């Protein structure tokens, strides 16, 4: 059986890709963790494919354990404990793999959010500012009138 090889880069906490990106602190006060600038950190689709295949493999092994447990003379507490151990390993692997992926995706989301906001500012209608100011003025008027209507008690 031929094995497939996907071109996935390392995504771990100590990967060379992360080390190549300098983390320039914006805040350096003592006791406050430095905030790094938001940057684009793509996650290749091959990483998601690898995670899918890994979980499909775990599910396959777990299904085989369930089938073995159906054979009366094979089932015992050790077989059940081993299946539970495999389920725990699957959950731990997913947790540790998804943590850096989530960090990267959050960074990417913020990156594109900033780009979208910049674009919205470029195409913003100057009259929208006047409409927004009128809306705020009306809200303040309503909140002031509500405050004046409170009964004295």
N, C-alpha and C. Protein backbone atom coordinates (compact mmCIF):
# COMPACT_ATOMS: atom_id res chain seq x y z
N UNK A 1 0.84 -1.17 0.00
CA UNK A 1 0.00 0.00 0.00
C UNK A 1 0.89 1.24 0.00
N UNK A 2 0.66 2.15 -0.94
CA UNK A 2 1.47 3.36 -1.04
C UNK A 2 1.03 4.36 0.01
N UNK A 3 2.00 5.01 0.60
CA UNK A 3 1.67 5.99 1.63
C UNK A 3 1.66 7.39 1.01
N UNK A 4 0.78 8.23 1.53
CA UNK A 4 0.68 9.60 1.05
C UNK A 4 1.56 10.49 1.91
N UNK A 5 2.12 11.51 1.29
CA UNK A 5 2.88 12.49 2.05
C UNK A 5 2.33 13.86 1.72
N UNK A 6 1.88 14.55 2.77
CA UNK A 6 1.39 15.90 2.60
C UNK A 6 2.47 16.88 3.01
N UNK A 7 2.53 17.98 2.34
CA UNK A 7 3.54 18.98 2.65
C UNK A 7 3.02 19.91 3.74
N UNK A 8 3.06 19.45 4.97
CA UNK A 8 2.62 20.26 6.11
C UNK A 8 3.84 20.77 6.85
N UNK A 9 3.79 22.03 7.20
CA UNK A 9 4.90 22.59 7.95
C UNK A 9 4.65 22.41 9.43
N UNK A 10 5.70 22.54 10.21
CA UNK A 10 5.59 22.39 11.65
C UNK A 10 4.77 23.54 12.21
N UNK A 11 3.85 23.21 13.13
CA UNK A 11 3.00 24.24 13.71
C UNK A 11 3.15 24.29 15.22
N UNK A 12 4.12 23.60 15.74
CA UNK A 12 4.30 23.54 17.19
C UNK A 12 4.77 24.85 17.77
N UNK A 13 4.76 24.93 19.08
CA UNK A 13 5.15 26.15 19.77
C UNK A 13 6.60 26.53 19.51
N UNK A 14 7.47 25.56 19.27
CA UNK A 14 8.89 25.85 19.08
C UNK A 14 9.31 25.72 17.62
N UNK A 15 8.39 25.91 16.70
CA UNK A 15 8.72 25.70 15.30
C UNK A 15 9.64 26.80 14.79
N UNK A 16 10.40 26.47 13.78
CA UNK A 16 11.34 27.42 13.19
C UNK A 16 10.60 28.58 12.55
N UNK A 17 9.40 28.31 12.00
CA UNK A 17 8.62 29.37 11.37
C UNK A 17 8.26 30.46 12.37
N UNK A 18 7.93 30.07 13.57
CA UNK A 18 7.58 31.05 14.58
C UNK A 18 8.82 31.80 15.05
N UNK A 19 9.94 31.10 15.16
CA UNK A 19 11.17 31.73 15.61
C UNK A 19 11.68 32.73 14.57
N UNK A 20 11.36 32.50 13.29
CA UNK A 20 11.81 33.39 12.24
C UNK A 20 11.04 34.71 12.25
N UNK A 21 9.86 34.71 12.89
CA UNK A 21 9.06 35.91 12.99
C UNK A 21 9.35 36.58 14.32
N UNK A 22 10.05 37.70 14.32
CA UNK A 22 10.41 38.32 15.60
C UNK A 22 9.18 38.83 16.31
N UNK A 23 9.18 38.68 17.61
CA UNK A 23 8.08 39.21 18.41
C UNK A 23 8.55 40.51 19.05
N UNK A 24 8.18 41.61 18.46
CA UNK A 24 8.58 42.93 18.94
C UNK A 24 7.53 43.37 19.95
N UNK A 25 7.93 43.52 21.20
CA UNK A 25 6.93 43.91 22.20
C UNK A 25 6.46 45.34 22.01
N UNK A 26 5.15 45.55 22.16
CA UNK A 26 4.60 46.89 22.12
C UNK A 26 4.48 47.45 23.53
N UNK A 27 4.17 46.58 24.50
CA UNK A 27 4.10 46.98 25.89
C UNK A 27 5.18 46.22 26.65
N UNK A 28 5.98 46.92 27.41
CA UNK A 28 7.06 46.25 28.12
C UNK A 28 7.03 46.51 29.62
N UNK A 29 5.94 47.08 30.13
CA UNK A 29 5.86 47.32 31.57
C UNK A 29 6.01 46.01 32.32
N UNK A 30 6.65 46.08 33.47
CA UNK A 30 6.83 44.85 34.25
C UNK A 30 5.48 44.32 34.67
N UNK A 31 5.36 43.01 34.63
CA UNK A 31 4.12 42.36 35.03
C UNK A 31 3.10 42.25 33.92
N UNK A 32 3.34 42.93 32.79
CA UNK A 32 2.41 42.86 31.67
C UNK A 32 3.10 42.12 30.54
N UNK A 33 2.44 41.09 30.04
CA UNK A 33 3.01 40.32 28.94
C UNK A 33 3.07 41.20 27.69
N UNK A 34 4.18 41.17 26.95
CA UNK A 34 4.28 41.99 25.74
C UNK A 34 3.23 41.60 24.71
N UNK A 35 2.70 42.60 24.04
CA UNK A 35 1.72 42.37 22.99
C UNK A 35 2.45 42.42 21.66
N UNK A 36 2.35 41.36 20.91
CA UNK A 36 3.02 41.31 19.61
C UNK A 36 2.14 41.94 18.54
N UNK A 37 2.75 42.51 17.53
CA UNK A 37 1.94 43.05 16.44
C UNK A 37 1.18 41.94 15.75
N UNK A 38 -0.03 42.26 15.31
CA UNK A 38 -0.84 41.29 14.59
C UNK A 38 -0.21 41.08 13.22
N UNK A 39 -0.11 39.82 12.83
CA UNK A 39 0.49 39.51 11.53
C UNK A 39 -0.25 38.35 10.89
N UNK A 40 -0.15 38.26 9.59
CA UNK A 40 -0.78 37.18 8.86
C UNK A 40 0.01 35.91 9.09
N UNK A 41 -0.67 34.84 9.55
CA UNK A 41 -0.03 33.57 9.84
C UNK A 41 -0.86 32.45 9.20
N UNK A 42 -0.67 32.22 7.91
CA UNK A 42 -1.51 31.23 7.22
C UNK A 42 -1.38 29.83 7.83
N UNK A 43 -2.47 29.09 7.74
CA UNK A 43 -2.50 27.67 8.12
C UNK A 43 -2.83 26.92 6.83
N UNK A 44 -1.90 26.09 6.40
CA UNK A 44 -2.08 25.38 5.15
C UNK A 44 -3.22 24.36 5.28
N UNK A 45 -3.94 24.17 4.19
CA UNK A 45 -5.05 23.20 4.21
C UNK A 45 -4.53 21.80 4.48
N UNK A 46 -3.26 21.53 4.16
CA UNK A 46 -2.70 20.20 4.42
C UNK A 46 -2.65 19.90 5.91
N UNK A 47 -2.56 20.93 6.75
CA UNK A 47 -2.57 20.71 8.21
C UNK A 47 -3.94 20.21 8.63
N UNK A 48 -5.00 20.84 8.10
CA UNK A 48 -6.35 20.38 8.41
C UNK A 48 -6.59 18.97 7.87
N UNK A 49 -6.03 18.69 6.69
CA UNK A 49 -6.17 17.36 6.10
C UNK A 49 -5.48 16.32 6.98
N UNK A 50 -4.29 16.63 7.46
CA UNK A 50 -3.58 15.72 8.36
C UNK A 50 -4.36 15.47 9.64
N UNK A 51 -4.93 16.52 10.21
CA UNK A 51 -5.72 16.38 11.43
C UNK A 51 -6.96 15.53 11.18
N UNK A 52 -7.58 15.72 10.04
CA UNK A 52 -8.74 14.90 9.67
C UNK A 52 -8.34 13.42 9.57
N UNK A 53 -7.24 13.15 8.88
CA UNK A 53 -6.80 11.77 8.70
C UNK A 53 -6.39 11.14 10.02
N UNK A 54 -5.76 11.91 10.89
CA UNK A 54 -5.39 11.41 12.20
C UNK A 54 -6.63 11.02 13.00
N UNK A 55 -7.63 11.90 13.01
CA UNK A 55 -8.86 11.61 13.75
C UNK A 55 -9.64 10.45 13.13
N UNK A 56 -9.62 10.34 11.80
CA UNK A 56 -10.26 9.20 11.15
C UNK A 56 -9.58 7.90 11.57
N UNK A 57 -8.26 7.93 11.70
CA UNK A 57 -7.52 6.75 12.16
C UNK A 57 -7.88 6.38 13.59
N UNK A 58 -7.95 7.39 14.46
CA UNK A 58 -8.37 7.14 15.85
C UNK A 58 -9.76 6.52 15.88
N UNK A 59 -10.68 7.09 15.10
CA UNK A 59 -12.05 6.57 15.08
C UNK A 59 -12.09 5.13 14.59
N UNK A 60 -11.26 4.81 13.62
CA UNK A 60 -11.19 3.45 13.11
C UNK A 60 -10.72 2.48 14.20
N UNK A 61 -9.68 2.85 14.93
CA UNK A 61 -9.17 2.01 16.01
C UNK A 61 -10.24 1.84 17.10
N UNK A 62 -10.92 2.92 17.44
CA UNK A 62 -11.95 2.87 18.48
C UNK A 62 -13.11 1.97 18.04
N UNK A 63 -13.49 2.04 16.75
CA UNK A 63 -14.54 1.15 16.23
C UNK A 63 -14.13 -0.31 16.33
N UNK A 64 -12.84 -0.58 16.07
CA UNK A 64 -12.36 -1.96 16.17
C UNK A 64 -12.40 -2.44 17.62
N UNK A 65 -12.06 -1.56 18.54
CA UNK A 65 -12.17 -1.94 19.95
C UNK A 65 -13.61 -2.25 20.32
N UNK A 66 -14.54 -1.44 19.84
CA UNK A 66 -15.97 -1.67 20.13
C UNK A 66 -16.41 -3.01 19.56
N UNK A 67 -15.89 -3.37 18.37
CA UNK A 67 -16.24 -4.66 17.77
C UNK A 67 -15.66 -5.81 18.59
N UNK A 68 -14.42 -5.64 19.06
CA UNK A 68 -13.81 -6.68 19.90
C UNK A 68 -14.57 -6.84 21.22
N UNK A 69 -15.08 -5.76 21.75
CA UNK A 69 -15.82 -5.84 23.01
C UNK A 69 -17.14 -6.59 22.85
N UNK A 70 -17.63 -6.69 21.62
CA UNK A 70 -18.86 -7.43 21.37
C UNK A 70 -18.64 -8.94 21.43
N UNK A 71 -17.39 -9.38 21.29
CA UNK A 71 -17.06 -10.81 21.39
C UNK A 71 -16.97 -11.13 22.89
N UNK A 72 -17.89 -11.94 23.35
CA UNK A 72 -18.05 -12.18 24.79
C UNK A 72 -16.77 -12.65 25.47
N UNK A 73 -16.05 -13.58 24.86
CA UNK A 73 -14.87 -14.13 25.52
C UNK A 73 -13.63 -13.23 25.40
N UNK A 74 -13.70 -12.13 24.62
CA UNK A 74 -12.57 -11.20 24.52
C UNK A 74 -12.71 -10.00 25.45
N UNK A 75 -13.94 -9.64 25.78
CA UNK A 75 -14.16 -8.43 26.55
C UNK A 75 -13.68 -8.59 27.99
N UNK A 76 -12.94 -7.62 28.44
CA UNK A 76 -12.59 -7.53 29.86
C UNK A 76 -12.28 -6.07 30.17
N UNK A 77 -12.04 -5.80 31.44
CA UNK A 77 -11.80 -4.41 31.86
C UNK A 77 -10.55 -3.81 31.22
N UNK A 78 -9.53 -4.63 30.94
CA UNK A 78 -8.30 -4.11 30.32
C UNK A 78 -8.56 -3.62 28.90
N UNK A 79 -9.39 -4.32 28.16
CA UNK A 79 -9.72 -3.91 26.80
C UNK A 79 -10.46 -2.57 26.83
N UNK A 80 -11.40 -2.46 27.75
CA UNK A 80 -12.15 -1.22 27.91
C UNK A 80 -11.22 -0.08 28.35
N UNK A 81 -10.31 -0.34 29.27
CA UNK A 81 -9.37 0.68 29.74
C UNK A 81 -8.45 1.13 28.61
N UNK A 82 -8.04 0.20 27.76
CA UNK A 82 -7.17 0.55 26.63
C UNK A 82 -7.92 1.44 25.63
N UNK A 83 -9.19 1.11 25.38
CA UNK A 83 -10.00 1.94 24.48
C UNK A 83 -10.13 3.35 25.06
N UNK A 84 -10.36 3.44 26.36
CA UNK A 84 -10.47 4.75 27.00
C UNK A 84 -9.16 5.53 26.91
N UNK A 85 -8.04 4.83 27.04
CA UNK A 85 -6.74 5.47 26.92
C UNK A 85 -6.54 6.04 25.52
N UNK A 86 -6.95 5.30 24.51
CA UNK A 86 -6.83 5.78 23.12
C UNK A 86 -7.71 7.00 22.90
N UNK A 87 -8.92 6.97 23.47
CA UNK A 87 -9.81 8.14 23.36
C UNK A 87 -9.19 9.36 24.04
N UNK A 88 -8.55 9.15 25.18
CA UNK A 88 -7.90 10.26 25.88
C UNK A 88 -6.74 10.81 25.06
N UNK A 89 -5.95 9.92 24.45
CA UNK A 89 -4.82 10.36 23.62
C UNK A 89 -5.34 11.18 22.43
N UNK A 90 -6.43 10.73 21.83
CA UNK A 90 -7.01 11.48 20.71
C UNK A 90 -7.41 12.89 21.15
N UNK A 91 -8.07 12.99 22.29
CA UNK A 91 -8.50 14.30 22.79
C UNK A 91 -7.30 15.19 23.10
N UNK A 92 -6.25 14.62 23.71
CA UNK A 92 -5.07 15.41 24.04
C UNK A 92 -4.34 15.88 22.79
N UNK A 93 -4.22 15.01 21.81
CA UNK A 93 -3.56 15.39 20.56
C UNK A 93 -4.33 16.53 19.90
N UNK A 94 -5.66 16.39 19.82
CA UNK A 94 -6.47 17.45 19.22
C UNK A 94 -6.30 18.76 19.96
N UNK A 95 -6.30 18.71 21.28
CA UNK A 95 -6.13 19.93 22.07
C UNK A 95 -4.80 20.60 21.77
N UNK A 96 -3.73 19.82 21.78
CA UNK A 96 -2.40 20.40 21.60
C UNK A 96 -2.14 20.85 20.16
N UNK A 97 -2.77 20.20 19.20
CA UNK A 97 -2.61 20.61 17.80
C UNK A 97 -3.47 21.84 17.50
N UNK A 98 -4.67 21.86 18.06
CA UNK A 98 -5.59 22.95 17.74
C UNK A 98 -5.23 24.27 18.44
N UNK A 99 -4.51 24.20 19.54
CA UNK A 99 -4.15 25.43 20.26
C UNK A 99 -3.34 26.38 19.38
N UNK A 100 -2.22 25.95 18.78
CA UNK A 100 -1.47 26.89 17.92
C UNK A 100 -2.23 27.24 16.65
N UNK A 101 -3.06 26.31 16.15
CA UNK A 101 -3.87 26.63 14.96
C UNK A 101 -4.86 27.74 15.31
N UNK A 102 -5.49 27.64 16.47
CA UNK A 102 -6.46 28.66 16.89
C UNK A 102 -5.79 30.01 17.05
N UNK A 103 -4.58 30.03 17.61
CA UNK A 103 -3.85 31.29 17.76
C UNK A 103 -3.57 31.91 16.39
N UNK A 104 -3.15 31.10 15.45
CA UNK A 104 -2.85 31.60 14.11
C UNK A 104 -4.12 32.10 13.42
N UNK A 105 -5.22 31.35 13.54
CA UNK A 105 -6.47 31.76 12.90
C UNK A 105 -7.02 33.04 13.52
N UNK A 106 -6.86 33.20 14.84
CA UNK A 106 -7.29 34.44 15.49
C UNK A 106 -6.47 35.62 14.96
N UNK A 107 -5.17 35.41 14.82
CA UNK A 107 -4.31 36.45 14.27
C UNK A 107 -4.74 36.79 12.84
N UNK A 108 -5.04 35.77 12.04
CA UNK A 108 -5.47 35.99 10.66
C UNK A 108 -6.81 36.74 10.62
N UNK A 109 -7.72 36.37 11.51
CA UNK A 109 -9.01 37.03 11.58
C UNK A 109 -8.84 38.51 11.89
N UNK A 110 -7.97 38.82 12.83
CA UNK A 110 -7.72 40.21 13.21
C UNK A 110 -7.05 40.95 12.06
N UNK A 111 -6.14 40.29 11.37
CA UNK A 111 -5.45 40.89 10.23
C UNK A 111 -6.47 41.31 9.15
N UNK A 112 -7.35 40.38 8.79
CA UNK A 112 -8.32 40.68 7.73
C UNK A 112 -9.40 41.63 8.23
N UNK A 113 -9.73 41.60 9.51
CA UNK A 113 -10.68 42.54 10.07
C UNK A 113 -10.15 43.96 9.92
N UNK A 114 -8.85 44.13 10.20
CA UNK A 114 -8.22 45.43 10.06
C UNK A 114 -8.26 45.89 8.60
N UNK A 115 -7.99 44.99 7.66
CA UNK A 115 -8.04 45.35 6.25
C UNK A 115 -9.45 45.76 5.83
N UNK A 116 -10.44 45.03 6.33
CA UNK A 116 -11.83 45.36 6.00
C UNK A 116 -12.22 46.73 6.57
N UNK A 117 -11.80 47.02 7.79
CA UNK A 117 -12.10 48.32 8.39
C UNK A 117 -11.44 49.45 7.59
N UNK A 118 -10.21 49.23 7.14
CA UNK A 118 -9.52 50.24 6.32
C UNK A 118 -10.29 50.50 5.03
N UNK A 119 -10.79 49.43 4.41
CA UNK A 119 -11.55 49.56 3.17
C UNK A 119 -12.87 50.30 3.43
N UNK A 120 -13.54 49.95 4.52
CA UNK A 120 -14.80 50.61 4.86
C UNK A 120 -14.59 52.11 5.10
N UNK A 121 -13.47 52.47 5.70
CA UNK A 121 -13.17 53.89 5.92
C UNK A 121 -12.95 54.61 4.59
N UNK A 122 -12.33 53.92 3.62
CA UNK A 122 -12.06 54.53 2.32
C UNK A 122 -13.35 54.79 1.55
N UNK A 123 -14.31 53.90 1.68
CA UNK A 123 -15.54 54.04 0.90
C UNK A 123 -16.67 54.68 1.69
N UNK A 124 -16.37 55.14 2.89
CA UNK A 124 -17.38 55.72 3.76
C UNK A 124 -17.95 57.00 3.16
N UNK A 125 -19.25 57.13 3.21
CA UNK A 125 -19.96 58.31 2.72
C UNK A 125 -19.85 59.41 3.78
N UNK A 126 -19.40 60.60 3.41
CA UNK A 126 -19.27 61.68 4.40
C UNK A 126 -20.60 62.01 5.09
N UNK A 127 -21.72 61.80 4.39
CA UNK A 127 -23.02 62.07 4.99
C UNK A 127 -23.35 61.09 6.11
N UNK A 128 -22.72 59.91 6.10
CA UNK A 128 -22.96 58.93 7.16
C UNK A 128 -22.56 59.49 8.52
N UNK A 129 -21.55 60.33 8.56
CA UNK A 129 -21.10 60.93 9.82
C UNK A 129 -22.21 61.80 10.39
N UNK A 130 -22.87 62.56 9.52
CA UNK A 130 -23.97 63.43 9.96
C UNK A 130 -25.16 62.60 10.45
N UNK A 131 -25.46 61.53 9.75
CA UNK A 131 -26.56 60.66 10.16
C UNK A 131 -26.25 60.02 11.51
N UNK A 132 -25.03 59.57 11.71
CA UNK A 132 -24.62 58.97 12.97
C UNK A 132 -24.68 59.99 14.11
N UNK A 133 -24.25 61.21 13.83
CA UNK A 133 -24.30 62.26 14.85
C UNK A 133 -25.75 62.55 15.25
N UNK A 134 -26.64 62.57 14.30
CA UNK A 134 -28.05 62.81 14.59
C UNK A 134 -28.63 61.66 15.43
N UNK A 135 -28.25 60.43 15.13
CA UNK A 135 -28.71 59.27 15.89
C UNK A 135 -28.24 59.36 17.34
N UNK A 136 -26.98 59.72 17.54
CA UNK A 136 -26.43 59.85 18.90
C UNK A 136 -27.14 60.97 19.65
N UNK A 137 -27.41 62.07 18.96
CA UNK A 137 -28.10 63.20 19.58
C UNK A 137 -29.49 62.77 20.04
N UNK A 138 -30.19 62.01 19.22
CA UNK A 138 -31.52 61.53 19.59
C UNK A 138 -31.45 60.57 20.77
N UNK A 139 -30.46 59.69 20.78
CA UNK A 139 -30.31 58.74 21.90
C UNK A 139 -30.04 59.49 23.19
N UNK A 140 -29.20 60.48 23.15
CA UNK A 140 -28.91 61.26 24.35
C UNK A 140 -30.16 62.01 24.83
N UNK A 141 -30.92 62.50 23.90
CA UNK A 141 -32.16 63.19 24.26
C UNK A 141 -33.14 62.24 24.92
N UNK A 142 -33.24 61.01 24.41
CA UNK A 142 -34.14 60.02 25.01
C UNK A 142 -33.67 59.62 26.39
N UNK A 143 -32.36 59.41 26.56
CA UNK A 143 -31.86 59.00 27.87
C UNK A 143 -32.00 60.11 28.89
N UNK A 144 -31.86 61.38 28.46
CA UNK A 144 -32.04 62.51 29.38
C UNK A 144 -33.51 62.65 29.77
N UNK A 145 -34.42 62.42 28.81
CA UNK A 145 -35.85 62.53 29.11
C UNK A 145 -36.30 61.40 30.02
N UNK A 146 -35.71 60.21 29.89
CA UNK A 146 -36.02 59.10 30.80
C UNK A 146 -35.57 59.41 32.21
N UNK A 147 -34.41 60.05 32.35
CA UNK A 147 -33.88 60.41 33.65
C UNK A 147 -34.76 61.46 34.32
N UNK A 148 -35.37 62.36 33.54
CA UNK A 148 -36.20 63.41 34.10
C UNK A 148 -37.55 62.88 34.54
N UNK A 149 -38.01 61.74 33.95
CA UNK A 149 -39.31 61.19 34.26
C UNK A 149 -39.32 60.30 35.51
N UNK A 150 -38.16 60.04 36.11
CA UNK A 150 -38.12 59.17 37.28
C UNK A 150 -38.86 59.85 38.44
N UNK A 151 -39.75 59.09 39.09
CA UNK A 151 -40.49 59.67 40.20
C UNK A 151 -39.60 59.86 41.42
N UNK A 152 -39.87 60.93 42.14
CA UNK A 152 -39.10 61.19 43.37
C UNK A 152 -39.59 60.26 44.44
N UNK A 153 -38.68 59.63 45.15
CA UNK A 153 -39.14 58.64 46.10
C UNK A 153 -38.45 58.71 47.32
